[in-house]
């Protein structure tokens, strides 16, 4: 069964890229970043086939999936799943902006 297409917002791409760059710089190697990328792709493949996997947030349109130290916020559209934010839970929650 084909799943919905995963589409990343610019904001979510920026957040995820920052996380991957941080670990590559901190560890001096991209090994962990590649592992995180692969695990994220596996989760999103599962999500594309099960779009209601995440729980609804208070706005009743956005869903969220906890993943490691992160929260992935997304919305289900007709033929796609829009990733709104890839939030690192260790950040100040006052900075969380879901676009």
PDB file of N, CA and C in Angstrom:
ATOM      1  N   UNK A   1       0.844  -1.184   0.000  1.00  0.00           N
ATOM      2  CA  UNK A   1       0.000   0.000   0.000  1.00  0.00           C
ATOM      3  C   UNK A   1       0.888   1.244   0.000  1.00  0.00           C
ATOM      4  N   UNK A   2       0.647   2.105  -0.939  1.00  0.00           N
ATOM      5  CA  UNK A   2       1.428   3.340  -1.019  1.00  0.00           C
ATOM      6  C   UNK A   2       0.946   4.315   0.037  1.00  0.00           C
ATOM      7  N   UNK A   3       1.887   5.012   0.622  1.00  0.00           N
ATOM      8  CA  UNK A   3       1.551   5.964   1.662  1.00  0.00           C
ATOM      9  C   UNK A   3       1.452   7.375   1.113  1.00  0.00           C
ATOM     10  N   UNK A   4       1.186   8.286   2.007  1.00  0.00           N
ATOM     11  CA  UNK A   4       1.144   9.702   1.643  1.00  0.00           C
ATOM     12  C   UNK A   4       2.573  10.212   1.454  1.00  0.00           C
ATOM     13  N   UNK A   5       2.719  11.227   0.636  1.00  0.00           N
ATOM     14  CA  UNK A   5       4.009  11.855   0.405  1.00  0.00           C
ATOM     15  C   UNK A   5       4.379  12.712   1.606  1.00  0.00           C
ATOM     16  N   UNK A   6       5.632  12.616   2.031  1.00  0.00           N
ATOM     17  CA  UNK A   6       6.134  13.446   3.129  1.00  0.00           C
ATOM     18  C   UNK A   6       6.727  14.717   2.543  1.00  0.00           C
ATOM     19  N   UNK A   7       6.275  15.864   3.029  1.00  0.00           N
ATOM     20  CA  UNK A   7       6.778  17.166   2.581  1.00  0.00           C
ATOM     21  C   UNK A   7       7.253  17.925   3.816  1.00  0.00           C
ATOM     22  N   UNK A   8       8.485  18.424   3.755  1.00  0.00           N
ATOM     23  CA  UNK A   8       9.056  19.183   4.871  1.00  0.00           C
ATOM     24  C   UNK A   8       8.853  20.674   4.643  1.00  0.00           C
ATOM     25  N   UNK A   9       8.389  21.383   5.659  1.00  0.00           N
ATOM     26  CA  UNK A   9       8.352  22.848   5.589  1.00  0.00           C
ATOM     27  C   UNK A   9       9.794  23.354   5.646  1.00  0.00           C
ATOM     28  N   UNK A  10      10.017  24.569   5.181  1.00  0.00           N
ATOM     29  CA  UNK A  10      11.361  25.159   5.253  1.00  0.00           C
ATOM     30  C   UNK A  10      11.832  25.238   6.705  1.00  0.00           C
ATOM     31  N   UNK A  11      10.923  25.564   7.587  1.00  0.00           N
ATOM     32  CA  UNK A  11      11.251  25.680   9.015  1.00  0.00           C
ATOM     33  C   UNK A  11      11.732  24.338   9.573  1.00  0.00           C
ATOM     34  N   UNK A  12      11.010  23.260   9.277  1.00  0.00           N
ATOM     35  CA  UNK A  12      11.386  21.926   9.768  1.00  0.00           C
ATOM     36  C   UNK A  12      12.718  21.481   9.160  1.00  0.00           C
ATOM     37  N   UNK A  13      12.915  21.768   7.878  1.00  0.00           N
ATOM     38  CA  UNK A  13      14.200  21.427   7.237  1.00  0.00           C
ATOM     39  C   UNK A  13      15.351  22.135   7.932  1.00  0.00           C
ATOM     40  N   UNK A  14      15.154  23.402   8.249  1.00  0.00           N
ATOM     41  CA  UNK A  14      16.180  24.193   8.927  1.00  0.00           C
ATOM     42  C   UNK A  14      16.497  23.591  10.306  1.00  0.00           C
ATOM     43  N   UNK A  15      15.459  23.276  11.061  1.00  0.00           N
ATOM     44  CA  UNK A  15      15.669  22.707  12.395  1.00  0.00           C
ATOM     45  C   UNK A  15      16.427  21.379  12.320  1.00  0.00           C
ATOM     46  N   UNK A  16      15.994  20.511  11.414  1.00  0.00           N
ATOM     47  CA  UNK A  16      16.620  19.202  11.297  1.00  0.00           C
ATOM     48  C   UNK A  16      18.075  19.322  10.829  1.00  0.00           C
ATOM     49  N   UNK A  17      18.309  20.195   9.873  1.00  0.00           N
ATOM     50  CA  UNK A  17      19.674  20.419   9.370  1.00  0.00           C
ATOM     51  C   UNK A  17      20.584  20.921  10.493  1.00  0.00           C
ATOM     52  N   UNK A  18      20.075  21.840  11.316  1.00  0.00           N
ATOM     53  CA  UNK A  18      20.858  22.350  12.462  1.00  0.00           C
ATOM     54  C   UNK A  18      21.229  21.236  13.426  1.00  0.00           C
ATOM     55  N   UNK A  19      20.305  20.338  13.689  1.00  0.00           N
ATOM     56  CA  UNK A  19      20.562  19.216  14.592  1.00  0.00           C
ATOM     57  C   UNK A  19      21.640  18.309  14.012  1.00  0.00           C
ATOM     58  N   UNK A  20      21.523  17.974  12.736  1.00  0.00           N
ATOM     59  CA  UNK A  20      22.515  17.100  12.098  1.00  0.00           C
ATOM     60  C   UNK A  20      23.894  17.758  12.074  1.00  0.00           C
ATOM     61  N   UNK A  21      23.927  19.047  11.761  1.00  0.00           N
ATOM     62  CA  UNK A  21      25.207  19.774  11.737  1.00  0.00           C
ATOM     63  C   UNK A  21      25.828  19.846  13.135  1.00  0.00           C
ATOM     64  N   UNK A  22      24.998  20.043  14.142  1.00  0.00           N
ATOM     65  CA  UNK A  22      25.492  20.108  15.514  1.00  0.00           C
ATOM     66  C   UNK A  22      26.215  18.815  15.887  1.00  0.00           C
ATOM     67  N   UNK A  23      25.572  17.674  15.631  1.00  0.00           N
ATOM     68  CA  UNK A  23      26.191  16.402  16.012  1.00  0.00           C
ATOM     69  C   UNK A  23      27.430  16.097  15.181  1.00  0.00           C
ATOM     70  N   UNK A  24      27.427  16.479  13.929  1.00  0.00           N
ATOM     71  CA  UNK A  24      28.619  16.260  13.104  1.00  0.00           C
ATOM     72  C   UNK A  24      29.783  17.074  13.641  1.00  0.00           C
ATOM     73  N   UNK A  25      29.513  18.326  13.985  1.00  0.00           N
ATOM     74  CA  UNK A  25      30.573  19.191  14.519  1.00  0.00           C
ATOM     75  C   UNK A  25      31.019  18.718  15.904  1.00  0.00           C
ATOM     76  N   UNK A  26      30.071  18.440  16.772  1.00  0.00           N
ATOM     77  CA  UNK A  26      30.403  18.035  18.137  1.00  0.00           C
ATOM     78  C   UNK A  26      31.201  16.729  18.171  1.00  0.00           C
ATOM     79  N   UNK A  27      30.807  15.771  17.337  1.00  0.00           N
ATOM     80  CA  UNK A  27      31.447  14.458  17.346  1.00  0.00           C
ATOM     81  C   UNK A  27      32.659  14.384  16.411  1.00  0.00           C
ATOM     82  N   UNK A  28      32.824  15.378  15.552  1.00  0.00           N
ATOM     83  CA  UNK A  28      33.939  15.366  14.613  1.00  0.00           C
ATOM     84  C   UNK A  28      33.781  14.336  13.509  1.00  0.00           C
ATOM     85  N   UNK A  29      32.584  13.788  13.378  1.00  0.00           N
ATOM     86  CA  UNK A  29      32.298  12.788  12.356  1.00  0.00           C
ATOM     87  C   UNK A  29      30.788  12.793  12.082  1.00  0.00           C
ATOM     88  N   UNK A  30      30.385  12.466  10.873  1.00  0.00           N
ATOM     89  CA  UNK A  30      28.953  12.454  10.563  1.00  0.00           C
ATOM     90  C   UNK A  30      28.252  11.138  10.906  1.00  0.00           C
ATOM     91  N   UNK A  31      28.917  10.223  11.580  1.00  0.00           N
ATOM     92  CA  UNK A  31      28.344   8.895  11.834  1.00  0.00           C
ATOM     93  C   UNK A  31      27.015   8.976  12.584  1.00  0.00           C
ATOM     94  N   UNK A  32      26.976   9.692  13.708  1.00  0.00           N
ATOM     95  CA  UNK A  32      25.727   9.779  14.465  1.00  0.00           C
ATOM     96  C   UNK A  32      24.654  10.524  13.665  1.00  0.00           C
ATOM     97  N   UNK A  33      25.039  11.579  12.974  1.00  0.00           N
ATOM     98  CA  UNK A  33      24.067  12.335  12.168  1.00  0.00           C
ATOM     99  C   UNK A  33      23.444  11.446  11.102  1.00  0.00           C
ATOM    100  N   UNK A  34      24.251  10.597  10.476  1.00  0.00           N
ATOM    101  CA  UNK A  34      23.721   9.683   9.461  1.00  0.00           C
ATOM    102  C   UNK A  34      22.781   8.650  10.098  1.00  0.00           C
ATOM    103  N   UNK A  35      23.127   8.189  11.288  1.00  0.00           N
ATOM    104  CA  UNK A  35      22.266   7.253  11.995  1.00  0.00           C
ATOM    105  C   UNK A  35      20.920   7.909  12.315  1.00  0.00           C
ATOM    106  N   UNK A  36      20.964   9.144  12.810  1.00  0.00           N
ATOM    107  CA  UNK A  36      19.738   9.883  13.118  1.00  0.00           C
ATOM    108  C   UNK A  36      18.912  10.116  11.845  1.00  0.00           C
ATOM    109  N   UNK A  37      19.578  10.455  10.758  1.00  0.00           N
ATOM    110  CA  UNK A  37      18.893  10.667   9.485  1.00  0.00           C
ATOM    111  C   UNK A  37      18.190   9.381   9.040  1.00  0.00           C
ATOM    112  N   UNK A  38      18.885   8.256   9.100  1.00  0.00           N
ATOM    113  CA  UNK A  38      18.291   6.977   8.690  1.00  0.00           C
ATOM    114  C   UNK A  38      17.107   6.596   9.574  1.00  0.00           C
ATOM    115  N   UNK A  39      17.240   6.794  10.874  1.00  0.00           N
ATOM    116  CA  UNK A  39      16.137   6.475  11.788  1.00  0.00           C
ATOM    117  C   UNK A  39      14.933   7.382  11.541  1.00  0.00           C
ATOM    118  N   UNK A  40      15.203   8.631  11.236  1.00  0.00           N
ATOM    119  CA  UNK A  40      14.114   9.571  10.926  1.00  0.00           C
ATOM    120  C   UNK A  40      13.408   9.154   9.639  1.00  0.00           C
ATOM    121  N   UNK A  41      14.172   8.764   8.636  1.00  0.00           N
ATOM    122  CA  UNK A  41      13.566   8.311   7.374  1.00  0.00           C
ATOM    123  C   UNK A  41      12.698   7.073   7.594  1.00  0.00           C
ATOM    124  N   UNK A  42      13.163   6.153   8.444  1.00  0.00           N
ATOM    125  CA  UNK A  42      12.364   4.954   8.751  1.00  0.00           C
ATOM    126  C   UNK A  42      11.052   5.338   9.434  1.00  0.00           C
ATOM    127  N   UNK A  43      11.132   6.249  10.397  1.00  0.00           N
ATOM    128  CA  UNK A  43       9.925   6.701  11.097  1.00  0.00           C
ATOM    129  C   UNK A  43       8.960   7.374  10.123  1.00  0.00           C
ATOM    130  N   UNK A  44       9.480   8.207   9.239  1.00  0.00           N
ATOM    131  CA  UNK A  44       8.612   8.916   8.294  1.00  0.00           C
ATOM    132  C   UNK A  44       8.003   7.973   7.259  1.00  0.00           C
ATOM    133  N   UNK A  45       8.697   6.898   6.927  1.00  0.00           N
ATOM    134  CA  UNK A  45       8.120   5.878   6.045  1.00  0.00           C
ATOM    135  C   UNK A  45       6.924   5.229   6.729  1.00  0.00           C
ATOM    136  N   UNK A  46       7.077   4.912   8.004  1.00  0.00           N
ATOM    137  CA  UNK A  46       5.969   4.351   8.785  1.00  0.00           C
ATOM    138  C   UNK A  46       4.828   5.362   8.883  1.00  0.00           C
ATOM    139  N   UNK A  47       5.173   6.616   9.140  1.00  0.00           N
ATOM    140  CA  UNK A  47       4.159   7.669   9.250  1.00  0.00           C
ATOM    141  C   UNK A  47       3.397   7.844   7.940  1.00  0.00           C
ATOM    142  N   UNK A  48       4.079   7.746   6.811  1.00  0.00           N
ATOM    143  CA  UNK A  48       3.403   7.934   5.525  1.00  0.00           C
ATOM    144  C   UNK A  48       2.317   6.879   5.309  1.00  0.00           C
ATOM    145  N   UNK A  49       2.502   5.712   5.901  1.00  0.00           N
ATOM    146  CA  UNK A  49       1.518   4.635   5.766  1.00  0.00           C
ATOM    147  C   UNK A  49       0.477   4.659   6.887  1.00  0.00           C
ATOM    148  N   UNK A  50       0.799   5.360   7.971  1.00  0.00           N
ATOM    149  CA  UNK A  50      -0.088   5.460   9.133  1.00  0.00           C
ATOM    150  C   UNK A  50      -0.161   6.912   9.594  1.00  0.00           C
ATOM    151  N   UNK A  51      -0.795   7.773   8.819  1.00  0.00           N
ATOM    152  CA  UNK A  51      -0.746   9.211   9.096  1.00  0.00           C
ATOM    153  C   UNK A  51      -1.364   9.657  10.417  1.00  0.00           C
ATOM    154  N   UNK A  52      -2.189   8.837  11.011  1.00  0.00           N
ATOM    155  CA  UNK A  52      -2.818   9.226  12.277  1.00  0.00           C
ATOM    156  C   UNK A  52      -2.049   8.683  13.472  1.00  0.00           C
ATOM    157  N   UNK A  53      -0.829   8.271  13.247  1.00  0.00           N
ATOM    158  CA  UNK A  53       0.027   7.690  14.282  1.00  0.00           C
ATOM    159  C   UNK A  53       0.266   8.655  15.449  1.00  0.00           C
ATOM    160  N   UNK A  54       0.519   9.917  15.146  1.00  0.00           N
ATOM    161  CA  UNK A  54       0.780  10.908  16.187  1.00  0.00           C
ATOM    162  C   UNK A  54      -0.495  11.346  16.891  1.00  0.00           C
ATOM    163  N   UNK A  55      -0.312  11.888  18.085  1.00  0.00           N
ATOM    164  CA  UNK A  55      -1.483  12.376  18.825  1.00  0.00           C
ATOM    165  C   UNK A  55      -1.806  13.809  18.399  1.00  0.00           C
ATOM    166  N   UNK A  56      -3.060  14.156  18.487  1.00  0.00           N
ATOM    167  CA  UNK A  56      -3.486  15.516  18.151  1.00  0.00           C
ATOM    168  C   UNK A  56      -2.989  16.499  19.201  1.00  0.00           C
ATOM    169  N   UNK A  57      -2.621  17.689  18.748  1.00  0.00           N
ATOM    170  CA  UNK A  57      -2.257  18.764  19.666  1.00  0.00           C
ATOM    171  C   UNK A  57      -3.516  19.562  19.978  1.00  0.00           C
ATOM    172  N   UNK A  58      -3.362  20.598  20.759  1.00  0.00           N
ATOM    173  CA  UNK A  58      -4.528  21.376  21.192  1.00  0.00           C
ATOM    174  C   UNK A  58      -5.244  22.087  20.044  1.00  0.00           C
ATOM    175  N   UNK A  59      -4.563  22.349  18.933  1.00  0.00           N
ATOM    176  CA  UNK A  59      -5.254  23.046  17.843  1.00  0.00           C
ATOM    177  C   UNK A  59      -6.097  22.098  16.981  1.00  0.00           C
ATOM    178  N   UNK A  60      -6.018  20.790  17.255  1.00  0.00           N
ATOM    179  CA  UNK A  60      -6.841  19.752  16.620  1.00  0.00           C
ATOM    180  C   UNK A  60      -6.573  19.567  15.129  1.00  0.00           C
ATOM    181  N   UNK A  61      -5.537  20.196  14.577  1.00  0.00           N
ATOM    182  CA  UNK A  61      -5.126  19.973  13.192  1.00  0.00           C
ATOM    183  C   UNK A  61      -3.733  19.370  13.146  1.00  0.00           C
ATOM    184  N   UNK A  62      -2.906  19.811  14.054  1.00  0.00           N
ATOM    185  CA  UNK A  62      -1.514  19.389  14.091  1.00  0.00           C
ATOM    186  C   UNK A  62      -1.394  18.141  14.954  1.00  0.00           C
ATOM    187  N   UNK A  63      -0.542  17.237  14.506  1.00  0.00           N
ATOM    188  CA  UNK A  63      -0.245  16.023  15.260  1.00  0.00           C
ATOM    189  C   UNK A  63       1.222  16.051  15.667  1.00  0.00           C
ATOM    190  N   UNK A  64       1.566  15.254  16.665  1.00  0.00           N
ATOM    191  CA  UNK A  64       2.950  15.217  17.145  1.00  0.00           C
ATOM    192  C   UNK A  64       3.336  13.768  17.447  1.00  0.00           C
ATOM    193  N   UNK A  65       4.577  13.449  17.085  1.00  0.00           N
ATOM    194  CA  UNK A  65       5.149  12.136  17.391  1.00  0.00           C
ATOM    195  C   UNK A  65       6.424  12.358  18.186  1.00  0.00           C
ATOM    196  N   UNK A  66       6.553  11.755  19.360  1.00  0.00           N
ATOM    197  CA  UNK A  66       7.828  11.815  20.075  1.00  0.00           C
ATOM    198  C   UNK A  66       8.809  10.835  19.415  1.00  0.00           C
ATOM    199  N   UNK A  67      10.054  11.289  19.274  1.00  0.00           N
ATOM    200  CA  UNK A  67      11.090  10.476  18.633  1.00  0.00           C
ATOM    201  C   UNK A  67      12.422  10.829  19.280  1.00  0.00           C
ATOM    202  N   UNK A  68      12.950   9.903  20.073  1.00  0.00           N
ATOM    203  CA  UNK A  68      14.191  10.140  20.806  1.00  0.00           C
ATOM    204  C   UNK A  68      14.042  11.393  21.667  1.00  0.00           C
ATOM    205  N   UNK A  69      14.920  12.390  21.476  1.00  0.00           N
ATOM    206  CA  UNK A  69      14.853  13.650  22.216  1.00  0.00           C
ATOM    207  C   UNK A  69      14.094  14.728  21.443  1.00  0.00           C
ATOM    208  N   UNK A  70      13.284  14.322  20.488  1.00  0.00           N
ATOM    209  CA  UNK A  70      12.651  15.266  19.566  1.00  0.00           C
ATOM    210  C   UNK A  70      11.146  15.069  19.524  1.00  0.00           C
ATOM    211  N   UNK A  71      10.470  16.100  19.043  1.00  0.00           N
ATOM    212  CA  UNK A  71       9.052  16.019  18.717  1.00  0.00           C
ATOM    213  C   UNK A  71       8.913  16.400  17.256  1.00  0.00           C
ATOM    214  N   UNK A  72       8.206  15.589  16.509  1.00  0.00           N
ATOM    215  CA  UNK A  72       7.952  15.886  15.100  1.00  0.00           C
ATOM    216  C   UNK A  72       6.497  16.315  14.998  1.00  0.00           C
ATOM    217  N   UNK A  73       6.296  17.578  14.639  1.00  0.00           N
ATOM    218  CA  UNK A  73       4.956  18.130  14.468  1.00  0.00           C
ATOM    219  C   UNK A  73       4.600  18.067  12.987  1.00  0.00           C
ATOM    220  N   UNK A  74       3.375  17.627  12.693  1.00  0.00           N
ATOM    221  CA  UNK A  74       2.970  17.497  11.295  1.00  0.00           C
ATOM    222  C   UNK A  74       1.467  17.664  11.147  1.00  0.00           C
ATOM    223  N   UNK A  75       1.050  17.892   9.906  1.00  0.00           N
ATOM    224  CA  UNK A  75      -0.376  17.956   9.570  1.00  0.00           C
ATOM    225  C   UNK A  75      -0.634  17.018   8.400  1.00  0.00           C
ATOM    226  N   UNK A  76      -1.776  16.370   8.443  1.00  0.00           N
ATOM    227  CA  UNK A  76      -2.173  15.450   7.388  1.00  0.00           C
ATOM    228  C   UNK A  76      -3.027  16.218   6.391  1.00  0.00           C
ATOM    229  N   UNK A  77      -2.585  16.204   5.146  1.00  0.00           N
ATOM    230  CA  UNK A  77      -3.334  16.830   4.055  1.00  0.00           C
ATOM    231  C   UNK A  77      -3.923  15.713   3.188  1.00  0.00           C
ATOM    232  N   UNK A  78      -4.592  16.066   2.092  1.00  0.00           N
ATOM    233  CA  UNK A  78      -5.219  15.055   1.235  1.00  0.00           C
ATOM    234  C   UNK A  78      -4.251  13.960   0.798  1.00  0.00           C
ATOM    235  N   UNK A  79      -3.166  14.338   0.142  1.00  0.00           N
ATOM    236  CA  UNK A  79      -2.237  13.352  -0.403  1.00  0.00           C
ATOM    237  C   UNK A  79      -0.846  13.440   0.207  1.00  0.00           C
ATOM    238  N   UNK A  80      -0.710  14.274   1.240  1.00  0.00           N
ATOM    239  CA  UNK A  80       0.622  14.452   1.811  1.00  0.00           C
ATOM    240  C   UNK A  80       0.569  14.667   3.315  1.00  0.00           C
ATOM    241  N   UNK A  81       1.744  14.513   3.889  1.00  0.00           N
ATOM    242  CA  UNK A  81       1.943  14.825   5.302  1.00  0.00           C
ATOM    243  C   UNK A  81       2.966  15.937   5.336  1.00  0.00           C
ATOM    244  N   UNK A  82       2.603  17.051   5.929  1.00  0.00           N
ATOM    245  CA  UNK A  82       3.476  18.216   6.000  1.00  0.00           C
ATOM    246  C   UNK A  82       4.172  18.235   7.358  1.00  0.00           C
ATOM    247  N   UNK A  83       5.500  18.085   7.334  1.00  0.00           N
ATOM    248  CA  UNK A  83       6.294  18.159   8.555  1.00  0.00           C
ATOM    249  C   UNK A  83       6.479  19.644   8.867  1.00  0.00           C
ATOM    250  N   UNK A  84       5.955  20.076   9.995  1.00  0.00           N
ATOM    251  CA  UNK A  84       5.993  21.487  10.372  1.00  0.00           C
ATOM    252  C   UNK A  84       7.212  21.842  11.212  1.00  0.00           C
ATOM    253  N   UNK A  85       7.615  20.924  12.084  1.00  0.00           N
ATOM    254  CA  UNK A  85       8.719  21.215  12.993  1.00  0.00           C
ATOM    255  C   UNK A  85       9.383  19.923  13.436  1.00  0.00           C
ATOM    256  N   UNK A  86      10.708  19.974  13.565  1.00  0.00           N
ATOM    257  CA  UNK A  86      11.494  18.880  14.134  1.00  0.00           C
ATOM    258  C   UNK A  86      12.154  19.479  15.364  1.00  0.00           C
ATOM    259  N   UNK A  87      11.437  19.396  16.479  1.00  0.00           N
ATOM    260  CA  UNK A  87      11.782  20.128  17.688  1.00  0.00           C
ATOM    261  C   UNK A  87      12.659  19.305  18.622  1.00  0.00           C
ATOM    262  N   UNK A  88      13.783  19.879  19.052  1.00  0.00           N
ATOM    263  CA  UNK A  88      14.645  19.263  20.044  1.00  0.00           C
ATOM    264  C   UNK A  88      14.089  19.608  21.421  1.00  0.00           C
ATOM    265  N   UNK A  89      13.670  18.607  22.188  1.00  0.00           N
ATOM    266  CA  UNK A  89      13.037  18.828  23.489  1.00  0.00           C
ATOM    267  C   UNK A  89      13.945  19.484  24.514  1.00  0.00           C
ATOM    268  N   UNK A  90      15.232  19.521  24.245  1.00  0.00           N
ATOM    269  CA  UNK A  90      16.160  20.110  25.208  1.00  0.00           C
ATOM    270  C   UNK A  90      16.269  21.626  25.039  1.00  0.00           C
ATOM    271  N   UNK A  91      15.535  22.180  24.092  1.00  0.00           N
ATOM    272  CA  UNK A  91      15.530  23.624  23.878  1.00  0.00           C
ATOM    273  C   UNK A  91      14.471  24.280  24.760  1.00  0.00           C
ATOM    274  N   UNK A  92      14.556  25.595  24.854  1.00  0.00           N
ATOM    275  CA  UNK A  92      13.572  26.369  25.601  1.00  0.00           C
ATOM    276  C   UNK A  92      12.247  26.326  24.838  1.00  0.00           C
ATOM    277  N   UNK A  93      11.217  25.798  25.478  1.00  0.00           N
ATOM    278  CA  UNK A  93       9.925  25.641  24.789  1.00  0.00           C
ATOM    279  C   UNK A  93       9.288  26.967  24.372  1.00  0.00           C
ATOM    280  N   UNK A  94       9.722  28.064  24.959  1.00  0.00           N
ATOM    281  CA  UNK A  94       9.200  29.366  24.554  1.00  0.00           C
ATOM    282  C   UNK A  94       9.616  29.719  23.121  1.00  0.00           C
ATOM    283  N   UNK A  95      10.644  29.044  22.609  1.00  0.00           N
ATOM    284  CA  UNK A  95      11.105  29.301  21.241  1.00  0.00           C
ATOM    285  C   UNK A  95      10.364  28.458  20.206  1.00  0.00           C
ATOM    286  N   UNK A  96       9.545  27.516  20.652  1.00  0.00           N
ATOM    287  CA  UNK A  96       8.824  26.626  19.742  1.00  0.00           C
ATOM    288  C   UNK A  96       7.803  27.423  18.945  1.00  0.00           C
ATOM    289  N   UNK A  97       7.970  27.393  17.638  1.00  0.00           N
ATOM    290  CA  UNK A  97       7.035  28.064  16.730  1.00  0.00           C
ATOM    291  C   UNK A  97       6.671  27.085  15.649  1.00  0.00           C
ATOM    292  N   UNK A  98       5.434  26.708  15.610  1.00  0.00           N
ATOM    293  CA  UNK A  98       4.977  25.809  14.551  1.00  0.00           C
ATOM    294  C   UNK A  98       4.352  26.659  13.481  1.00  0.00           C
ATOM    295  N   UNK A  99       4.957  26.619  12.329  1.00  0.00           N
ATOM    296  CA  UNK A  99       4.512  27.447  11.201  1.00  0.00           C
ATOM    297  C   UNK A  99       3.443  26.741  10.414  1.00  0.00           C
TER     298      UNK A  99
END
